[in-house]
């Protein structure tokens, strides 16, 4: 049936909201890492990995969101699948920042828990959209 629209409006909205939230998340996390490096005795060899993970996550976020938007709007499973794969990578980095960064503040827990919840919801919607596109 070529007349039916298969792209997901909830997914599109969530991708947009995630893009806005990620900017806030990145700036808040960066500010907290800077704060922690000033207030706590932050070993230099631990500061670099924490910052690297945050910046790697930011680099991944751009193609992750772009491919998600594009795949959903074009009703194409390949870009959406790639976006889903990048989301898995982002989840791993988010879990690192939630559990294994040098100092984890309650604000870190809140920011990362919200991001993980958004990633989980988005991943579910991507899987449903891909299923709709291939059927």
N, C-alpha and C. Protein backbone atom coordinates (compact mmCIF):
# COMPACT_ATOMS: atom_id res chain seq x y z
N UNK A 1 0.85 -1.19 0.00
CA UNK A 1 0.00 0.00 0.00
C UNK A 1 0.89 1.24 0.00
N UNK A 2 1.03 1.90 -1.15
CA UNK A 2 1.92 3.05 -1.28
C UNK A 2 1.36 4.34 -0.70
N UNK A 3 0.07 4.38 -0.43
CA UNK A 3 -0.54 5.61 0.07
C UNK A 3 -0.38 5.79 1.58
N UNK A 4 -0.01 4.73 2.28
CA UNK A 4 0.10 4.85 3.73
C UNK A 4 1.46 5.43 4.13
N UNK A 5 1.40 6.25 5.17
CA UNK A 5 2.62 6.85 5.70
C UNK A 5 3.14 5.96 6.80
N UNK A 6 4.38 5.52 6.69
CA UNK A 6 4.96 4.60 7.67
C UNK A 6 5.88 5.30 8.66
N UNK A 7 6.36 6.51 8.33
CA UNK A 7 7.27 7.19 9.25
C UNK A 7 6.54 7.48 10.56
N UNK A 8 7.32 7.53 11.64
CA UNK A 8 6.76 7.63 12.99
C UNK A 8 6.84 9.06 13.51
N UNK A 9 5.69 9.67 13.74
CA UNK A 9 5.66 11.02 14.32
C UNK A 9 6.23 11.04 15.75
N UNK A 10 5.86 10.07 16.62
CA UNK A 10 6.46 10.08 17.96
C UNK A 10 7.99 9.98 17.91
N UNK A 11 8.52 9.16 16.98
CA UNK A 11 9.97 9.04 16.84
C UNK A 11 10.57 10.38 16.40
N UNK A 12 9.94 11.03 15.44
CA UNK A 12 10.45 12.31 14.94
C UNK A 12 10.49 13.36 16.06
N UNK A 13 9.41 13.42 16.83
CA UNK A 13 9.35 14.36 17.96
C UNK A 13 10.43 14.03 18.99
N UNK A 14 10.57 12.74 19.31
CA UNK A 14 11.56 12.33 20.30
C UNK A 14 12.99 12.63 19.82
N UNK A 15 13.27 12.41 18.54
CA UNK A 15 14.59 12.75 18.01
C UNK A 15 14.87 14.24 18.17
N UNK A 16 13.87 15.06 17.88
CA UNK A 16 14.01 16.51 18.01
C UNK A 16 14.26 16.89 19.47
N UNK A 17 13.44 16.36 20.37
CA UNK A 17 13.59 16.65 21.81
C UNK A 17 14.95 16.16 22.31
N UNK A 18 15.37 14.97 21.85
CA UNK A 18 16.68 14.44 22.24
C UNK A 18 17.81 15.36 21.78
N UNK A 19 17.67 15.92 20.59
CA UNK A 19 18.69 16.84 20.08
C UNK A 19 18.82 18.07 20.97
N UNK A 20 17.68 18.63 21.37
CA UNK A 20 17.68 19.79 22.27
C UNK A 20 18.24 19.40 23.64
N UNK A 21 17.74 18.27 24.18
CA UNK A 21 18.20 17.81 25.50
C UNK A 21 19.69 17.52 25.48
N UNK A 22 20.20 16.93 24.38
CA UNK A 22 21.62 16.58 24.35
C UNK A 22 22.52 17.82 24.46
N UNK A 23 22.10 18.92 23.84
CA UNK A 23 22.89 20.16 23.95
C UNK A 23 22.97 20.57 25.42
N UNK A 24 21.83 20.56 26.11
CA UNK A 24 21.80 20.86 27.54
C UNK A 24 22.65 19.85 28.32
N UNK A 25 22.48 18.56 28.02
CA UNK A 25 23.22 17.48 28.68
C UNK A 25 24.73 17.68 28.55
N UNK A 26 25.17 17.95 27.31
CA UNK A 26 26.60 18.12 27.05
C UNK A 26 27.16 19.31 27.83
N UNK A 27 26.49 20.45 27.75
CA UNK A 27 26.98 21.65 28.45
C UNK A 27 26.98 21.46 29.96
N UNK A 28 25.92 20.85 30.49
CA UNK A 28 25.84 20.61 31.93
C UNK A 28 26.92 19.62 32.38
N UNK A 29 27.11 18.55 31.61
CA UNK A 29 28.13 17.55 31.96
C UNK A 29 29.53 18.13 31.88
N UNK A 30 29.78 18.93 30.84
CA UNK A 30 31.09 19.59 30.71
C UNK A 30 31.32 20.54 31.88
N UNK A 31 30.32 21.32 32.23
CA UNK A 31 30.43 22.24 33.37
C UNK A 31 30.71 21.47 34.67
N UNK A 32 30.04 20.33 34.83
CA UNK A 32 30.25 19.54 36.06
C UNK A 32 31.64 18.91 36.09
N UNK A 33 32.15 18.47 34.95
CA UNK A 33 33.51 17.92 34.92
C UNK A 33 34.51 19.02 35.28
N UNK A 34 34.31 20.22 34.73
CA UNK A 34 35.18 21.35 35.07
C UNK A 34 35.07 21.67 36.56
N UNK A 35 33.85 21.71 37.07
CA UNK A 35 33.60 21.96 38.50
C UNK A 35 34.31 20.92 39.36
N UNK A 36 34.13 19.63 39.00
CA UNK A 36 34.73 18.54 39.78
C UNK A 36 36.25 18.61 39.73
N UNK A 37 36.79 19.03 38.57
CA UNK A 37 38.26 19.11 38.46
C UNK A 37 38.82 20.23 39.33
N UNK A 38 37.99 21.25 39.63
CA UNK A 38 38.43 22.36 40.47
C UNK A 38 38.21 22.06 41.96
N UNK A 39 37.10 21.43 42.29
CA UNK A 39 36.70 21.23 43.69
C UNK A 39 37.32 19.98 44.31
N UNK A 40 37.38 18.89 43.53
CA UNK A 40 37.91 17.64 44.04
C UNK A 40 39.33 17.44 43.54
N UNK A 41 40.07 16.56 44.22
CA UNK A 41 41.41 16.23 43.71
C UNK A 41 41.22 15.24 42.56
N UNK A 42 41.14 15.80 41.36
CA UNK A 42 40.84 15.02 40.15
C UNK A 42 42.16 14.61 39.52
N UNK A 43 42.54 13.33 39.60
CA UNK A 43 43.82 12.93 38.99
C UNK A 43 43.83 13.23 37.49
N UNK A 44 44.92 13.82 37.02
CA UNK A 44 45.02 14.22 35.61
C UNK A 44 44.77 13.06 34.65
N UNK A 45 45.26 11.88 35.00
CA UNK A 45 45.09 10.74 34.10
C UNK A 45 43.64 10.21 34.11
N UNK A 46 42.77 10.74 34.97
CA UNK A 46 41.36 10.37 34.98
C UNK A 46 40.49 11.43 34.33
N UNK A 47 41.01 12.66 34.29
CA UNK A 47 40.26 13.76 33.68
C UNK A 47 40.12 13.55 32.16
N UNK A 48 41.20 13.15 31.52
CA UNK A 48 41.20 12.95 30.07
C UNK A 48 40.18 11.91 29.60
N UNK A 49 40.12 10.71 30.22
CA UNK A 49 39.11 9.73 29.76
C UNK A 49 37.68 10.23 29.94
N UNK A 50 37.39 10.89 31.06
CA UNK A 50 36.03 11.40 31.29
C UNK A 50 35.65 12.43 30.23
N UNK A 51 36.57 13.35 29.94
CA UNK A 51 36.32 14.35 28.89
C UNK A 51 36.23 13.71 27.52
N UNK A 52 37.09 12.73 27.26
CA UNK A 52 37.09 12.04 25.96
C UNK A 52 35.76 11.34 25.71
N UNK A 53 35.23 10.67 26.73
CA UNK A 53 33.95 9.99 26.59
C UNK A 53 32.85 11.00 26.26
N UNK A 54 32.84 12.13 26.97
CA UNK A 54 31.82 13.15 26.73
C UNK A 54 31.91 13.70 25.30
N UNK A 55 33.13 13.98 24.84
CA UNK A 55 33.30 14.52 23.49
C UNK A 55 33.02 13.48 22.41
N UNK A 56 33.41 12.22 22.66
CA UNK A 56 33.10 11.14 21.72
C UNK A 56 31.59 10.98 21.58
N UNK A 57 30.90 11.07 22.72
CA UNK A 57 29.45 10.97 22.72
C UNK A 57 28.83 12.10 21.89
N UNK A 58 29.37 13.32 22.03
CA UNK A 58 28.87 14.47 21.27
C UNK A 58 29.10 14.26 19.77
N UNK A 59 30.25 13.70 19.41
CA UNK A 59 30.57 13.43 18.00
C UNK A 59 29.61 12.38 17.45
N UNK A 60 29.30 11.34 18.24
CA UNK A 60 28.37 10.29 17.82
C UNK A 60 26.94 10.81 17.68
N UNK A 61 26.59 11.79 18.50
CA UNK A 61 25.21 12.27 18.55
C UNK A 61 24.76 12.89 17.22
N UNK A 62 25.67 13.57 16.53
CA UNK A 62 25.31 14.25 15.28
C UNK A 62 24.86 13.25 14.21
N UNK A 63 25.68 12.26 13.84
CA UNK A 63 25.20 11.29 12.83
C UNK A 63 24.04 10.43 13.36
N UNK A 64 24.02 10.17 14.67
CA UNK A 64 22.96 9.36 15.27
C UNK A 64 21.59 10.03 15.04
N UNK A 65 21.51 11.32 15.34
CA UNK A 65 20.27 12.06 15.16
C UNK A 65 19.96 12.28 13.68
N UNK A 66 20.98 12.64 12.90
CA UNK A 66 20.79 12.88 11.47
C UNK A 66 20.23 11.63 10.78
N UNK A 67 20.87 10.48 11.02
CA UNK A 67 20.42 9.24 10.39
C UNK A 67 19.03 8.84 10.89
N UNK A 68 18.74 9.14 12.14
CA UNK A 68 17.42 8.86 12.69
C UNK A 68 16.35 9.68 12.00
N UNK A 69 16.60 11.00 11.90
CA UNK A 69 15.66 11.89 11.20
C UNK A 69 15.47 11.43 9.76
N UNK A 70 16.60 11.26 9.05
CA UNK A 70 16.57 10.92 7.64
C UNK A 70 15.90 9.57 7.39
N UNK A 71 16.29 8.57 8.16
CA UNK A 71 15.73 7.23 8.00
C UNK A 71 14.23 7.20 8.24
N UNK A 72 13.80 7.93 9.27
CA UNK A 72 12.36 7.96 9.58
C UNK A 72 11.58 8.69 8.49
N UNK A 73 12.05 9.86 8.09
CA UNK A 73 11.32 10.64 7.09
C UNK A 73 11.31 9.98 5.71
N UNK A 74 12.42 9.33 5.35
CA UNK A 74 12.49 8.65 4.05
C UNK A 74 11.89 7.24 4.11
N UNK A 75 11.50 6.82 5.32
CA UNK A 75 10.99 5.47 5.53
C UNK A 75 11.99 4.43 5.04
N UNK A 76 13.26 4.68 5.37
CA UNK A 76 14.37 3.82 4.94
C UNK A 76 14.97 3.13 6.17
N UNK A 77 14.99 1.79 6.12
CA UNK A 77 15.47 1.06 7.29
C UNK A 77 16.98 1.15 7.49
N UNK A 78 17.77 1.32 6.42
CA UNK A 78 19.24 1.34 6.56
C UNK A 78 19.73 2.51 7.43
N UNK A 79 19.37 3.77 7.11
CA UNK A 79 19.83 4.86 7.98
C UNK A 79 19.29 4.74 9.41
N UNK A 80 18.05 4.26 9.52
CA UNK A 80 17.45 4.10 10.85
C UNK A 80 18.18 3.00 11.63
N UNK A 81 18.56 1.94 10.94
CA UNK A 81 19.35 0.86 11.56
C UNK A 81 20.71 1.34 12.00
N UNK A 82 21.36 2.16 11.15
CA UNK A 82 22.66 2.74 11.53
C UNK A 82 22.51 3.65 12.75
N UNK A 83 21.44 4.43 12.76
CA UNK A 83 21.17 5.31 13.89
C UNK A 83 20.96 4.48 15.16
N UNK A 84 20.27 3.36 15.03
CA UNK A 84 20.05 2.46 16.17
C UNK A 84 21.39 1.90 16.67
N UNK A 85 22.27 1.54 15.75
CA UNK A 85 23.61 1.06 16.12
C UNK A 85 24.40 2.11 16.86
N UNK A 86 24.34 3.36 16.37
CA UNK A 86 25.03 4.46 17.05
C UNK A 86 24.41 4.73 18.43
N UNK A 87 23.10 4.51 18.54
CA UNK A 87 22.43 4.68 19.83
C UNK A 87 22.99 3.69 20.85
N UNK A 88 23.26 2.45 20.41
CA UNK A 88 23.85 1.44 21.30
C UNK A 88 25.21 1.96 21.81
N UNK A 89 26.01 2.53 20.90
CA UNK A 89 27.30 3.12 21.31
C UNK A 89 27.10 4.25 22.31
N UNK A 90 26.12 5.10 22.05
CA UNK A 90 25.84 6.22 22.96
C UNK A 90 25.39 5.73 24.33
N UNK A 91 24.61 4.64 24.35
CA UNK A 91 24.16 4.06 25.62
C UNK A 91 25.36 3.58 26.43
N UNK A 92 26.31 2.92 25.77
CA UNK A 92 27.52 2.44 26.47
C UNK A 92 28.28 3.62 27.08
N UNK A 93 28.45 4.70 26.31
CA UNK A 93 29.17 5.88 26.82
C UNK A 93 28.39 6.54 27.95
N UNK A 94 27.08 6.58 27.83
CA UNK A 94 26.22 7.15 28.87
C UNK A 94 26.34 6.35 30.17
N UNK A 95 26.34 5.02 30.04
CA UNK A 95 26.51 4.15 31.22
C UNK A 95 27.87 4.39 31.86
N UNK A 96 28.92 4.58 31.04
CA UNK A 96 30.24 4.91 31.58
C UNK A 96 30.15 6.17 32.44
N UNK A 97 29.51 7.22 31.90
CA UNK A 97 29.42 8.48 32.64
C UNK A 97 28.52 8.36 33.87
N UNK A 98 27.58 7.42 33.83
CA UNK A 98 26.68 7.20 34.97
C UNK A 98 27.37 6.41 36.07
N UNK A 99 28.18 5.42 35.70
CA UNK A 99 28.73 4.49 36.70
C UNK A 99 30.22 4.61 36.94
N UNK A 100 31.01 4.91 35.90
CA UNK A 100 32.45 4.74 36.01
C UNK A 100 33.29 6.00 35.87
N UNK A 101 32.67 7.16 35.66
CA UNK A 101 33.52 8.34 35.63
C UNK A 101 34.07 8.58 37.03
N UNK A 102 35.13 9.38 37.13
CA UNK A 102 35.88 9.52 38.38
C UNK A 102 35.00 9.94 39.56
N UNK A 103 34.23 10.99 39.40
CA UNK A 103 33.29 11.42 40.43
C UNK A 103 31.90 11.49 39.81
N UNK A 104 30.93 10.85 40.46
CA UNK A 104 29.55 10.89 39.97
C UNK A 104 28.70 11.64 40.98
N UNK A 105 28.21 12.81 40.58
CA UNK A 105 27.35 13.61 41.44
C UNK A 105 25.89 13.22 41.22
N UNK A 106 25.00 13.63 42.11
CA UNK A 106 23.57 13.31 41.91
C UNK A 106 23.07 13.92 40.61
N UNK A 107 23.59 15.09 40.26
CA UNK A 107 23.18 15.73 38.99
C UNK A 107 23.62 14.89 37.79
N UNK A 108 24.80 14.25 37.88
CA UNK A 108 25.25 13.33 36.83
C UNK A 108 24.27 12.17 36.69
N UNK A 109 23.87 11.64 37.84
CA UNK A 109 22.93 10.50 37.82
C UNK A 109 21.61 10.90 37.16
N UNK A 110 21.10 12.08 37.52
CA UNK A 110 19.84 12.56 36.96
C UNK A 110 19.95 12.78 35.45
N UNK A 111 20.99 13.51 35.02
CA UNK A 111 21.19 13.79 33.59
C UNK A 111 21.32 12.50 32.78
N UNK A 112 22.13 11.56 33.28
CA UNK A 112 22.37 10.32 32.55
C UNK A 112 21.16 9.40 32.57
N UNK A 113 20.43 9.38 33.68
CA UNK A 113 19.22 8.54 33.75
C UNK A 113 18.18 9.04 32.75
N UNK A 114 18.00 10.37 32.66
CA UNK A 114 17.07 10.94 31.68
C UNK A 114 17.50 10.60 30.26
N UNK A 115 18.81 10.73 29.99
CA UNK A 115 19.31 10.43 28.65
C UNK A 115 19.12 8.95 28.31
N UNK A 116 19.41 8.07 29.27
CA UNK A 116 19.22 6.63 29.03
C UNK A 116 17.76 6.30 28.78
N UNK A 117 16.86 6.93 29.52
CA UNK A 117 15.42 6.70 29.32
C UNK A 117 15.01 7.15 27.91
N UNK A 118 15.51 8.30 27.49
CA UNK A 118 15.21 8.81 26.14
C UNK A 118 15.77 7.87 25.08
N UNK A 119 17.02 7.40 25.27
CA UNK A 119 17.63 6.47 24.32
C UNK A 119 16.81 5.17 24.24
N UNK A 120 16.35 4.68 25.38
CA UNK A 120 15.59 3.43 25.41
C UNK A 120 14.27 3.60 24.66
N UNK A 121 13.56 4.68 24.94
CA UNK A 121 12.29 4.94 24.27
C UNK A 121 12.51 5.12 22.76
N UNK A 122 13.53 5.89 22.42
CA UNK A 122 13.85 6.14 21.01
C UNK A 122 14.21 4.82 20.31
N UNK A 123 14.98 3.97 20.96
CA UNK A 123 15.37 2.69 20.37
C UNK A 123 14.16 1.81 20.09
N UNK A 124 13.23 1.77 21.04
CA UNK A 124 12.00 1.01 20.84
C UNK A 124 11.21 1.53 19.65
N UNK A 125 11.10 2.86 19.55
CA UNK A 125 10.37 3.47 18.43
C UNK A 125 11.09 3.21 17.10
N UNK A 126 12.43 3.21 17.12
CA UNK A 126 13.19 2.92 15.89
C UNK A 126 12.95 1.49 15.44
N UNK A 127 12.98 0.56 16.39
CA UNK A 127 12.74 -0.86 16.05
C UNK A 127 11.34 -1.01 15.45
N UNK A 128 10.34 -0.35 16.04
CA UNK A 128 8.97 -0.45 15.51
C UNK A 128 8.88 0.18 14.12
N UNK A 129 9.58 1.30 13.91
CA UNK A 129 9.56 1.97 12.60
C UNK A 129 10.23 1.08 11.54
N UNK A 130 11.38 0.50 11.90
CA UNK A 130 12.09 -0.38 10.97
C UNK A 130 11.19 -1.57 10.61
N UNK A 131 10.52 -2.13 11.60
CA UNK A 131 9.61 -3.25 11.36
C UNK A 131 8.49 -2.84 10.40
N UNK A 132 7.98 -1.63 10.57
CA UNK A 132 6.91 -1.13 9.68
C UNK A 132 7.44 -0.92 8.26
N UNK A 133 8.69 -0.44 8.14
CA UNK A 133 9.25 -0.16 6.81
C UNK A 133 9.50 -1.46 6.04
N UNK A 134 10.00 -2.48 6.70
CA UNK A 134 10.35 -3.71 6.00
C UNK A 134 9.14 -4.60 5.72
N UNK A 135 8.05 -4.41 6.47
CA UNK A 135 6.89 -5.28 6.28
C UNK A 135 6.10 -4.89 5.02
